[in-house]
Amino acid sequence: MRSNLLSSFCAAALLASTAFAQLRTLPYNFTLAALNTTLPNVNDTGVPLVLGLEFVFDYSAIYFTSTYASAHNNTFPSLGLLDGALHAYGRNDSWDTNAVRCDSGDSIGWFSTENGPPGADVFSVIPAAQDRQYPTFAVHEENSLWSLCSTGNDWGLNEVYYNISPTNIWEGNRVVVEDCYKVTLQVLPLE
C-alpha cells in the first residue's frame, strides 16, 4: 500500500513539474500578444505585438517589440523560437532579424542585417496552464515581469518592457514607469 501511494505521489509530482516545463524550441511559427493582467480585456488574446522600427543605418535596422496599433506596420508577420533564440521572419519567410537582448528595464531589442546577427538564447515558452488558452512567453525563465509602456519617443510607440522599475530604467528613456501596466505575453500559433 505504501509503495503504491509513494508511486502515485511521485507520478503526480513528475507530471506537475513537466506540465510547466519551459520550451526553448517550438515546432511552429507564432505571433505574440500582450494580455492586460490588471484590467479587463476586450478579447482572449490581447493586443497584437510586432517589431516597431526605431533606427535604420547602413543596411541595418533596430526594432523593439511594440503594439501593432502604435507601430502601424507588420514587416515580420511570424516569429520562431529555436534553442532559446527568437527569430523574426519577413513576409517571404526570409530571416535576417533576431532578438539580440532583453534585460531588466528594457524592451526586447531586435537587430536586422543581411547576415542575420546572432540572437540571445534567453527566451522560452511555458505551455498553457489549465485555466489558459495560450502558452506564455518568458525571458530568463520568467513570464510574469512584462509591462506595456508608452515610450514617449518621436514615433509614439507602445513597447513591451521586461522587469521595468524606476530604479532600473536607463537614463534618457522617457518612459513613465508609473503609467505602464502589467501584461502576460501570449504565444499565438500560426497555422
N, C-alpha and C. Protein backbone atom coordinates (compact mmCIF):
# COMPACT_ATOMS: atom_id res chain seq x y z
N MET A 1 0.82 -1.19 0.00
CA MET A 1 0.00 0.00 0.00
C MET A 1 0.87 1.26 0.00
N ARG A 2 1.88 1.29 0.87
CA ARG A 2 2.77 2.44 0.93
C ARG A 2 3.48 2.64 -0.40
N SER A 3 3.89 1.55 -1.00
CA SER A 3 4.59 1.60 -2.28
C SER A 3 3.71 2.21 -3.36
N ASN A 4 2.44 1.79 -3.41
CA ASN A 4 1.51 2.33 -4.40
C ASN A 4 1.25 3.82 -4.16
N LEU A 5 1.11 4.20 -2.91
CA LEU A 5 0.88 5.59 -2.57
C LEU A 5 2.09 6.44 -2.94
N LEU A 6 3.28 5.95 -2.63
CA LEU A 6 4.51 6.66 -2.97
C LEU A 6 4.66 6.76 -4.49
N SER A 7 4.37 5.69 -5.20
CA SER A 7 4.45 5.71 -6.67
C SER A 7 3.47 6.71 -7.26
N SER A 8 2.26 6.74 -6.72
CA SER A 8 1.26 7.68 -7.21
C SER A 8 1.68 9.12 -6.95
N PHE A 9 2.23 9.37 -5.75
CA PHE A 9 2.70 10.71 -5.41
C PHE A 9 3.83 11.13 -6.34
N CYS A 10 4.80 10.24 -6.57
CA CYS A 10 5.93 10.56 -7.45
C CYS A 10 5.46 10.82 -8.88
N ALA A 11 4.51 10.03 -9.36
CA ALA A 11 3.99 10.23 -10.71
C ALA A 11 3.29 11.58 -10.82
N ALA A 12 2.50 11.93 -9.79
CA ALA A 12 1.80 13.23 -9.81
C ALA A 12 2.80 14.38 -9.76
N ALA A 13 3.83 14.24 -8.94
CA ALA A 13 4.85 15.30 -8.85
C ALA A 13 5.59 15.45 -10.17
N LEU A 14 5.92 14.35 -10.82
CA LEU A 14 6.61 14.41 -12.11
C LEU A 14 5.72 15.07 -13.15
N LEU A 15 4.44 14.70 -13.17
CA LEU A 15 3.51 15.29 -14.12
C LEU A 15 3.40 16.80 -13.89
N ALA A 16 3.29 17.21 -12.63
CA ALA A 16 3.18 18.64 -12.33
C ALA A 16 4.43 19.39 -12.73
N SER A 17 5.59 18.79 -12.51
CA SER A 17 6.84 19.50 -12.84
C SER A 17 7.06 19.60 -14.33
N THR A 18 6.61 18.63 -15.10
CA THR A 18 6.80 18.69 -16.55
C THR A 18 5.67 19.44 -17.24
N ALA A 19 4.53 19.60 -16.56
CA ALA A 19 3.41 20.31 -17.18
C ALA A 19 3.77 21.76 -17.49
N PHE A 20 4.66 22.34 -16.69
CA PHE A 20 5.03 23.73 -16.89
C PHE A 20 6.50 23.86 -17.29
N ALA A 21 7.07 22.78 -17.80
CA ALA A 21 8.46 22.84 -18.26
C ALA A 21 8.56 23.84 -19.40
N GLN A 22 9.59 24.64 -19.37
CA GLN A 22 9.76 25.66 -20.40
C GLN A 22 10.32 25.05 -21.67
N LEU A 23 9.77 25.49 -22.79
CA LEU A 23 10.21 25.02 -24.10
C LEU A 23 11.15 26.04 -24.70
N ARG A 24 12.30 25.61 -25.14
CA ARG A 24 13.28 26.52 -25.76
C ARG A 24 13.24 26.44 -27.28
N THR A 25 12.46 25.52 -27.82
CA THR A 25 12.25 25.39 -29.26
C THR A 25 10.78 25.08 -29.50
N LEU A 26 10.18 25.75 -30.48
CA LEU A 26 8.80 25.45 -30.86
C LEU A 26 8.79 24.90 -32.28
N PRO A 27 7.94 23.91 -32.55
CA PRO A 27 7.88 23.32 -33.89
C PRO A 27 7.01 24.11 -34.86
N TYR A 28 6.54 25.27 -34.45
CA TYR A 28 5.67 26.09 -35.28
C TYR A 28 6.05 27.56 -35.13
N ASN A 29 5.66 28.37 -36.12
CA ASN A 29 5.83 29.82 -36.02
C ASN A 29 4.64 30.41 -35.27
N PHE A 30 4.81 31.62 -34.78
CA PHE A 30 3.79 32.21 -33.92
C PHE A 30 3.87 33.73 -33.96
N THR A 31 2.90 34.37 -33.34
CA THR A 31 2.94 35.80 -33.06
C THR A 31 2.80 35.96 -31.55
N LEU A 32 3.04 37.17 -31.07
CA LEU A 32 2.88 37.47 -29.65
C LEU A 32 1.75 38.48 -29.47
N ALA A 33 1.07 38.39 -28.34
CA ALA A 33 0.04 39.36 -27.98
C ALA A 33 0.18 39.66 -26.49
N ALA A 34 -0.08 40.91 -26.12
CA ALA A 34 0.02 41.35 -24.72
C ALA A 34 -1.37 41.37 -24.10
N LEU A 35 -1.57 40.53 -23.10
CA LEU A 35 -2.84 40.45 -22.39
C LEU A 35 -2.72 41.21 -21.08
N ASN A 36 -3.55 42.23 -20.91
CA ASN A 36 -3.53 43.06 -19.70
C ASN A 36 -3.88 42.19 -18.49
N THR A 37 -3.07 42.25 -17.44
CA THR A 37 -3.34 41.46 -16.24
C THR A 37 -3.93 42.31 -15.11
N THR A 38 -4.11 43.61 -15.35
CA THR A 38 -4.64 44.48 -14.30
C THR A 38 -6.05 44.98 -14.59
N LEU A 39 -6.47 44.97 -15.85
CA LEU A 39 -7.79 45.44 -16.24
C LEU A 39 -8.44 44.42 -17.18
N PRO A 40 -9.76 44.49 -17.36
CA PRO A 40 -10.42 43.56 -18.29
C PRO A 40 -9.91 43.75 -19.72
N ASN A 41 -9.93 42.69 -20.50
CA ASN A 41 -9.51 42.70 -21.90
C ASN A 41 -10.73 42.58 -22.80
N VAL A 42 -10.63 43.10 -24.01
CA VAL A 42 -11.74 43.02 -24.96
C VAL A 42 -11.76 41.69 -25.70
N ASN A 43 -10.68 40.89 -25.58
CA ASN A 43 -10.64 39.58 -26.23
C ASN A 43 -9.77 38.64 -25.39
N ASP A 44 -9.66 37.39 -25.84
CA ASP A 44 -8.89 36.39 -25.09
C ASP A 44 -7.40 36.42 -25.40
N THR A 45 -7.02 37.11 -26.47
CA THR A 45 -5.62 37.05 -26.89
C THR A 45 -4.81 38.24 -26.43
N GLY A 46 -5.40 39.42 -26.36
CA GLY A 46 -4.65 40.63 -26.03
C GLY A 46 -4.34 41.43 -27.27
N VAL A 47 -3.57 42.50 -27.11
CA VAL A 47 -3.24 43.35 -28.26
C VAL A 47 -2.09 42.73 -29.05
N PRO A 48 -2.19 42.74 -30.38
CA PRO A 48 -1.12 42.16 -31.21
C PRO A 48 0.19 42.93 -31.07
N LEU A 49 1.29 42.19 -31.03
CA LEU A 49 2.62 42.78 -30.94
C LEU A 49 3.39 42.55 -32.22
N VAL A 50 4.18 43.54 -32.60
CA VAL A 50 5.01 43.49 -33.81
C VAL A 50 6.37 44.09 -33.49
N LEU A 51 7.24 44.10 -34.47
CA LEU A 51 8.53 44.77 -34.31
C LEU A 51 8.38 46.21 -34.76
N GLY A 52 8.50 47.14 -33.81
CA GLY A 52 8.39 48.57 -34.12
C GLY A 52 9.76 49.12 -34.47
N LEU A 53 9.86 49.72 -35.65
CA LEU A 53 11.13 50.25 -36.14
C LEU A 53 11.58 51.45 -35.30
N GLU A 54 12.85 51.41 -34.87
CA GLU A 54 13.44 52.52 -34.10
C GLU A 54 14.48 53.28 -34.93
N PHE A 55 15.45 52.57 -35.52
CA PHE A 55 16.54 53.21 -36.26
C PHE A 55 16.90 52.38 -37.49
N VAL A 56 17.33 53.08 -38.55
CA VAL A 56 17.86 52.42 -39.75
C VAL A 56 19.21 53.06 -40.05
N PHE A 57 20.22 52.22 -40.32
CA PHE A 57 21.55 52.73 -40.65
C PHE A 57 22.34 51.66 -41.39
N ASP A 58 23.07 52.05 -42.42
CA ASP A 58 23.98 51.17 -43.15
C ASP A 58 23.43 49.77 -43.38
N TYR A 59 22.29 49.64 -44.02
CA TYR A 59 21.69 48.35 -44.34
C TYR A 59 21.34 47.52 -43.11
N SER A 60 21.16 48.17 -42.00
CA SER A 60 20.79 47.50 -40.76
C SER A 60 19.62 48.26 -40.14
N ALA A 61 18.92 47.60 -39.22
CA ALA A 61 17.80 48.25 -38.55
C ALA A 61 17.68 47.72 -37.12
N ILE A 62 17.18 48.58 -36.24
CA ILE A 62 16.92 48.22 -34.86
C ILE A 62 15.41 48.34 -34.63
N TYR A 63 14.85 47.32 -34.00
CA TYR A 63 13.42 47.27 -33.69
C TYR A 63 13.24 46.98 -32.21
N PHE A 64 12.05 47.32 -31.70
CA PHE A 64 11.65 46.93 -30.36
C PHE A 64 10.24 46.38 -30.42
N THR A 65 9.92 45.45 -29.54
CA THR A 65 8.61 44.82 -29.54
C THR A 65 7.56 45.85 -29.13
N SER A 66 6.62 46.12 -30.05
CA SER A 66 5.63 47.21 -29.89
C SER A 66 4.24 46.70 -30.22
N THR A 67 3.24 47.48 -29.84
CA THR A 67 1.88 47.13 -30.25
C THR A 67 1.71 47.45 -31.74
N TYR A 68 0.90 46.66 -32.40
CA TYR A 68 0.61 46.93 -33.81
C TYR A 68 -0.05 48.30 -33.95
N ALA A 69 -0.94 48.64 -33.01
CA ALA A 69 -1.65 49.92 -33.08
C ALA A 69 -0.70 51.11 -33.06
N SER A 70 0.43 50.99 -32.37
CA SER A 70 1.37 52.11 -32.32
C SER A 70 2.41 52.05 -33.43
N ALA A 71 2.75 50.86 -33.90
CA ALA A 71 3.78 50.72 -34.94
C ALA A 71 3.21 50.87 -36.35
N HIS A 72 1.94 50.56 -36.53
CA HIS A 72 1.22 50.71 -37.81
C HIS A 72 1.82 49.88 -38.94
N ASN A 73 2.62 48.88 -38.64
CA ASN A 73 3.24 48.08 -39.69
C ASN A 73 3.61 46.72 -39.11
N ASN A 74 3.57 45.70 -39.94
CA ASN A 74 3.97 44.37 -39.50
C ASN A 74 4.90 43.76 -40.55
N THR A 75 6.12 44.24 -40.58
CA THR A 75 7.11 43.79 -41.55
C THR A 75 7.46 42.32 -41.35
N PHE A 76 7.37 41.85 -40.12
CA PHE A 76 7.73 40.47 -39.78
C PHE A 76 6.51 39.76 -39.20
N PRO A 77 5.69 39.13 -40.05
CA PRO A 77 4.42 38.58 -39.58
C PRO A 77 4.52 37.28 -38.78
N SER A 78 5.71 36.70 -38.66
CA SER A 78 5.81 35.49 -37.84
C SER A 78 7.14 35.44 -37.10
N LEU A 79 7.10 34.77 -35.97
CA LEU A 79 8.28 34.59 -35.13
C LEU A 79 8.56 33.10 -34.98
N GLY A 80 9.79 32.78 -34.65
CA GLY A 80 10.17 31.40 -34.38
C GLY A 80 11.09 31.34 -33.18
N LEU A 81 11.06 30.22 -32.46
CA LEU A 81 11.91 30.01 -31.30
C LEU A 81 12.74 28.76 -31.52
N LEU A 82 14.06 28.91 -31.53
CA LEU A 82 14.97 27.79 -31.77
C LEU A 82 16.12 27.85 -30.77
N ASP A 83 16.22 26.85 -29.93
CA ASP A 83 17.28 26.78 -28.92
C ASP A 83 17.37 28.04 -28.07
N GLY A 84 16.22 28.60 -27.72
CA GLY A 84 16.18 29.78 -26.87
C GLY A 84 16.38 31.10 -27.59
N ALA A 85 16.64 31.05 -28.90
CA ALA A 85 16.82 32.27 -29.70
C ALA A 85 15.50 32.60 -30.41
N LEU A 86 15.15 33.88 -30.42
CA LEU A 86 13.91 34.35 -31.02
C LEU A 86 14.21 34.97 -32.37
N HIS A 87 13.57 34.45 -33.42
CA HIS A 87 13.80 34.90 -34.80
C HIS A 87 12.53 35.55 -35.35
N ALA A 88 12.69 36.56 -36.20
CA ALA A 88 11.57 37.20 -36.89
C ALA A 88 11.69 36.89 -38.38
N TYR A 89 10.56 36.50 -38.99
CA TYR A 89 10.54 36.13 -40.40
C TYR A 89 9.73 37.15 -41.20
N GLY A 90 10.27 37.57 -42.35
CA GLY A 90 9.60 38.51 -43.23
C GLY A 90 8.45 37.88 -43.97
N ARG A 91 7.76 38.68 -44.76
CA ARG A 91 6.59 38.20 -45.50
C ARG A 91 6.92 37.07 -46.47
N ASN A 92 8.14 37.05 -46.97
CA ASN A 92 8.55 35.98 -47.89
C ASN A 92 9.31 34.87 -47.15
N ASP A 93 9.10 34.78 -45.84
CA ASP A 93 9.76 33.80 -44.96
C ASP A 93 11.26 34.01 -44.86
N SER A 94 11.74 35.19 -45.26
CA SER A 94 13.17 35.47 -45.12
C SER A 94 13.49 35.68 -43.64
N TRP A 95 14.72 35.37 -43.28
CA TRP A 95 15.14 35.50 -41.88
C TRP A 95 16.46 36.25 -41.83
N ASP A 96 16.41 37.48 -41.33
CA ASP A 96 17.63 38.26 -41.13
C ASP A 96 17.52 39.11 -39.87
N THR A 97 16.55 38.78 -39.02
CA THR A 97 16.30 39.58 -37.83
C THR A 97 16.16 38.68 -36.61
N ASN A 98 16.91 39.02 -35.56
CA ASN A 98 16.88 38.25 -34.31
C ASN A 98 16.69 39.17 -33.12
N ALA A 99 16.08 38.64 -32.08
CA ALA A 99 16.06 39.34 -30.79
C ALA A 99 17.45 39.20 -30.19
N VAL A 100 18.10 40.32 -29.96
CA VAL A 100 19.50 40.28 -29.53
C VAL A 100 19.69 40.55 -28.04
N ARG A 101 18.64 41.03 -27.37
CA ARG A 101 18.77 41.23 -25.94
C ARG A 101 17.40 41.47 -25.31
N CYS A 102 17.33 41.21 -24.02
CA CYS A 102 16.17 41.55 -23.22
C CYS A 102 16.60 41.55 -21.77
N ASP A 103 16.95 42.72 -21.28
CA ASP A 103 17.44 42.88 -19.92
C ASP A 103 16.40 43.60 -19.07
N SER A 104 16.54 43.49 -17.76
CA SER A 104 15.63 44.19 -16.85
C SER A 104 15.63 45.68 -17.17
N GLY A 105 14.43 46.25 -17.24
CA GLY A 105 14.29 47.67 -17.50
C GLY A 105 14.33 48.04 -18.96
N ASP A 106 14.28 47.05 -19.85
CA ASP A 106 14.38 47.34 -21.28
C ASP A 106 13.36 46.51 -22.06
N SER A 107 13.17 46.89 -23.31
CA SER A 107 12.30 46.17 -24.22
C SER A 107 13.08 45.07 -24.92
N ILE A 108 12.37 44.16 -25.56
CA ILE A 108 13.06 43.15 -26.37
C ILE A 108 13.66 43.87 -27.56
N GLY A 109 14.98 43.86 -27.66
CA GLY A 109 15.68 44.54 -28.75
C GLY A 109 15.94 43.59 -29.91
N TRP A 110 15.69 44.05 -31.12
CA TRP A 110 15.87 43.27 -32.34
C TRP A 110 16.88 43.97 -33.23
N PHE A 111 17.66 43.19 -33.95
CA PHE A 111 18.64 43.75 -34.88
C PHE A 111 18.51 43.01 -36.20
N SER A 112 18.52 43.75 -37.29
CA SER A 112 18.34 43.19 -38.62
C SER A 112 19.50 43.58 -39.52
N THR A 113 20.15 42.59 -40.13
CA THR A 113 21.21 42.82 -41.12
C THR A 113 21.11 41.75 -42.18
N GLU A 114 21.86 41.93 -43.26
CA GLU A 114 21.86 40.92 -44.32
C GLU A 114 22.35 39.57 -43.82
N ASN A 115 23.30 39.56 -42.92
CA ASN A 115 23.88 38.31 -42.44
C ASN A 115 23.15 37.73 -41.24
N GLY A 116 22.13 38.38 -40.75
CA GLY A 116 21.40 37.88 -39.60
C GLY A 116 22.29 37.79 -38.36
N PRO A 117 22.18 38.73 -37.45
CA PRO A 117 23.04 38.75 -36.26
C PRO A 117 22.72 37.57 -35.35
N PRO A 118 23.66 37.17 -34.52
CA PRO A 118 23.35 36.10 -33.58
C PRO A 118 22.31 36.58 -32.57
N GLY A 119 21.41 35.70 -32.21
CA GLY A 119 20.37 36.07 -31.27
C GLY A 119 20.72 35.67 -29.85
N ALA A 120 20.10 36.34 -28.90
CA ALA A 120 20.25 35.97 -27.49
C ALA A 120 19.49 34.68 -27.25
N ASP A 121 20.05 33.77 -26.48
CA ASP A 121 19.38 32.48 -26.25
C ASP A 121 18.75 32.43 -24.86
N VAL A 122 17.97 33.45 -24.53
CA VAL A 122 17.39 33.61 -23.20
C VAL A 122 15.86 33.45 -23.18
N PHE A 123 15.27 33.07 -24.31
CA PHE A 123 13.82 33.04 -24.43
C PHE A 123 13.27 31.62 -24.31
N SER A 124 12.01 31.52 -23.86
CA SER A 124 11.35 30.23 -23.76
C SER A 124 9.84 30.44 -23.76
N VAL A 125 9.12 29.33 -23.86
CA VAL A 125 7.67 29.36 -23.84
C VAL A 125 7.20 28.39 -22.76
N ILE A 126 6.23 28.82 -21.98
CA ILE A 126 5.64 27.98 -20.95
C ILE A 126 4.29 27.49 -21.48
N PRO A 127 4.08 26.17 -21.55
CA PRO A 127 2.80 25.65 -22.04
C PRO A 127 1.62 26.25 -21.28
N ALA A 128 0.48 26.30 -21.95
CA ALA A 128 -0.72 26.90 -21.36
C ALA A 128 -1.13 26.17 -20.08
N ALA A 129 -1.42 26.93 -19.05
CA ALA A 129 -1.95 26.37 -17.81
C ALA A 129 -3.39 25.93 -18.07
N GLN A 130 -3.95 25.16 -17.16
CA GLN A 130 -5.31 24.65 -17.35
C GLN A 130 -6.33 25.76 -17.54
N ASP A 131 -6.12 26.89 -16.90
CA ASP A 131 -7.08 27.98 -16.99
C ASP A 131 -6.77 28.95 -18.13
N ARG A 132 -5.80 28.62 -18.97
CA ARG A 132 -5.37 29.50 -20.07
C ARG A 132 -5.53 28.79 -21.41
N GLN A 133 -5.81 29.56 -22.44
CA GLN A 133 -5.93 29.01 -23.78
C GLN A 133 -4.59 28.97 -24.51
N TYR A 134 -3.69 29.90 -24.18
CA TYR A 134 -2.45 30.03 -24.93
C TYR A 134 -1.22 29.87 -24.03
N PRO A 135 -0.12 29.40 -24.62
CA PRO A 135 1.15 29.37 -23.88
C PRO A 135 1.61 30.81 -23.62
N THR A 136 2.53 30.97 -22.68
CA THR A 136 3.06 32.30 -22.38
C THR A 136 4.54 32.36 -22.71
N PHE A 137 4.99 33.56 -23.02
CA PHE A 137 6.36 33.81 -23.43
C PHE A 137 7.19 34.24 -22.23
N ALA A 138 8.41 33.72 -22.15
CA ALA A 138 9.27 34.01 -21.00
C ALA A 138 10.66 34.44 -21.47
N VAL A 139 11.34 35.17 -20.60
CA VAL A 139 12.75 35.51 -20.81
C VAL A 139 13.45 35.27 -19.48
N HIS A 140 14.66 34.75 -19.54
CA HIS A 140 15.39 34.40 -18.32
C HIS A 140 14.52 33.54 -17.41
N GLU A 141 13.70 32.66 -18.04
CA GLU A 141 12.82 31.71 -17.35
C GLU A 141 11.72 32.37 -16.53
N GLU A 142 11.37 33.59 -16.86
CA GLU A 142 10.34 34.34 -16.12
C GLU A 142 9.29 34.86 -17.08
N ASN A 143 8.00 34.58 -16.80
CA ASN A 143 6.94 35.03 -17.70
C ASN A 143 5.99 36.05 -17.08
N SER A 144 6.27 36.50 -15.86
CA SER A 144 5.31 37.39 -15.19
C SER A 144 5.83 38.81 -14.95
N LEU A 145 6.94 39.18 -15.58
CA LEU A 145 7.52 40.50 -15.33
C LEU A 145 7.42 41.43 -16.54
N TRP A 146 6.43 41.21 -17.40
CA TRP A 146 6.25 42.04 -18.59
C TRP A 146 5.34 43.22 -18.29
N SER A 147 5.61 44.36 -18.94
CA SER A 147 4.75 45.54 -18.83
C SER A 147 4.63 46.18 -20.21
N LEU A 148 3.51 46.83 -20.45
CA LEU A 148 3.31 47.59 -21.68
C LEU A 148 3.41 49.06 -21.31
N CYS A 149 4.29 49.78 -22.02
CA CYS A 149 4.58 51.18 -21.67
C CYS A 149 4.57 52.07 -22.90
N SER A 150 4.10 53.29 -22.72
CA SER A 150 4.24 54.31 -23.76
C SER A 150 5.66 54.85 -23.67
N THR A 151 6.36 54.88 -24.80
CA THR A 151 7.78 55.25 -24.77
C THR A 151 8.02 56.75 -24.70
N GLY A 152 7.08 57.53 -25.19
CA GLY A 152 7.31 58.97 -25.23
C GLY A 152 8.32 59.36 -26.30
N ASN A 153 8.70 58.41 -27.17
CA ASN A 153 9.68 58.75 -28.21
C ASN A 153 8.98 59.43 -29.39
N ASP A 154 9.75 59.82 -30.38
CA ASP A 154 9.22 60.57 -31.52
C ASP A 154 8.19 59.78 -32.32
N TRP A 155 8.24 58.46 -32.27
CA TRP A 155 7.33 57.63 -33.05
C TRP A 155 6.08 57.27 -32.28
N GLY A 156 6.06 57.55 -30.98
CA GLY A 156 4.87 57.26 -30.17
C GLY A 156 4.60 55.78 -29.98
N LEU A 157 5.65 54.97 -29.95
CA LEU A 157 5.47 53.53 -29.82
C LEU A 157 5.09 53.14 -28.39
N ASN A 158 4.20 52.16 -28.30
CA ASN A 158 3.93 51.50 -27.03
C ASN A 158 4.69 50.19 -27.07
N GLU A 159 5.63 50.02 -26.15
CA GLU A 159 6.54 48.87 -26.20
C GLU A 159 6.39 47.99 -24.97
N VAL A 160 6.75 46.73 -25.15
CA VAL A 160 6.77 45.77 -24.06
C VAL A 160 8.12 45.87 -23.36
N TYR A 161 8.09 46.01 -22.05
CA TYR A 161 9.32 46.07 -21.24
C TYR A 161 9.37 44.88 -20.30
N TYR A 162 10.59 44.47 -20.00
CA TYR A 162 10.80 43.36 -19.07
C TYR A 162 11.29 43.89 -17.72
N ASN A 163 10.58 43.53 -16.66
CA ASN A 163 11.00 43.83 -15.29
C ASN A 163 11.37 45.31 -15.11
N ILE A 164 10.51 46.18 -15.59
CA ILE A 164 10.80 47.62 -15.52
C ILE A 164 10.44 48.18 -14.14
N SER A 165 11.28 49.07 -13.67
CA SER A 165 11.03 49.78 -12.41
C SER A 165 11.74 51.13 -12.48
N PRO A 166 11.39 52.06 -11.63
CA PRO A 166 12.07 53.37 -11.66
C PRO A 166 13.57 53.27 -11.41
N THR A 167 14.02 52.20 -10.79
CA THR A 167 15.45 52.09 -10.45
C THR A 167 16.29 51.41 -11.53
N ASN A 168 15.66 50.74 -12.51
CA ASN A 168 16.47 50.03 -13.50
C ASN A 168 16.28 50.51 -14.94
N ILE A 169 15.59 51.60 -15.13
CA ILE A 169 15.40 52.12 -16.49
C ILE A 169 16.61 52.99 -16.85
N TRP A 170 17.07 52.88 -18.09
CA TRP A 170 18.29 53.60 -18.47
C TRP A 170 18.02 55.11 -18.55
N GLU A 171 19.03 55.86 -18.22
CA GLU A 171 18.94 57.32 -18.22
C GLU A 171 18.64 57.81 -19.63
N GLY A 172 17.73 58.72 -19.76
CA GLY A 172 17.36 59.26 -21.06
C GLY A 172 16.10 58.62 -21.63
N ASN A 173 15.69 57.49 -21.08
CA ASN A 173 14.45 56.86 -21.52
C ASN A 173 13.28 57.69 -21.00
N ARG A 174 12.32 57.98 -21.87
CA ARG A 174 11.21 58.85 -21.49
C ARG A 174 9.99 58.09 -21.00
N VAL A 175 10.14 56.81 -20.74
CA VAL A 175 9.02 56.02 -20.22
C VAL A 175 8.70 56.47 -18.80
N VAL A 176 7.42 56.68 -18.53
CA VAL A 176 6.97 56.96 -17.17
C VAL A 176 6.51 55.62 -16.60
N VAL A 177 7.34 55.04 -15.76
CA VAL A 177 7.11 53.68 -15.27
C VAL A 177 5.76 53.54 -14.59
N GLU A 178 5.32 54.56 -13.88
CA GLU A 178 4.04 54.50 -13.17
C GLU A 178 2.86 54.39 -14.14
N ASP A 179 3.05 54.78 -15.40
CA ASP A 179 1.97 54.69 -16.39
C ASP A 179 1.95 53.35 -17.12
N CYS A 180 2.93 52.51 -16.90
CA CYS A 180 2.97 51.18 -17.53
C CYS A 180 1.94 50.28 -16.84
N TYR A 181 1.52 49.24 -17.54
CA TYR A 181 0.66 48.25 -16.89
C TYR A 181 1.15 46.85 -17.20
N LYS A 182 0.90 45.96 -16.25
CA LYS A 182 1.38 44.58 -16.34
C LYS A 182 0.63 43.82 -17.42
N VAL A 183 1.38 43.00 -18.17
CA VAL A 183 0.79 42.16 -19.20
C VAL A 183 1.42 40.77 -19.14
N THR A 184 0.72 39.82 -19.73
CA THR A 184 1.25 38.50 -20.00
C THR A 184 1.44 38.42 -21.50
N LEU A 185 2.58 37.93 -21.95
CA LEU A 185 2.79 37.77 -23.39
C LEU A 185 2.32 36.38 -23.79
N GLN A 186 1.29 36.36 -24.62
CA GLN A 186 0.73 35.09 -25.07
C GLN A 186 1.31 34.71 -26.42
N VAL A 187 1.56 33.43 -26.59
CA VAL A 187 2.10 32.88 -27.83
C VAL A 187 0.92 32.36 -28.65
N LEU A 188 0.70 32.97 -29.83
CA LEU A 188 -0.42 32.60 -30.70
C LEU A 188 0.12 31.83 -31.89
N PRO A 189 -0.07 30.50 -31.91
CA PRO A 189 0.47 29.69 -33.01
C PRO A 189 -0.14 30.10 -34.35
N LEU A 190 0.68 30.07 -35.40
CA LEU A 190 0.21 30.33 -36.76
C LEU A 190 -0.03 28.99 -37.45
N GLU A 191 -1.04 28.96 -38.27
CA GLU A 191 -1.34 27.71 -38.98
C GLU A 191 -0.63 27.64 -40.30
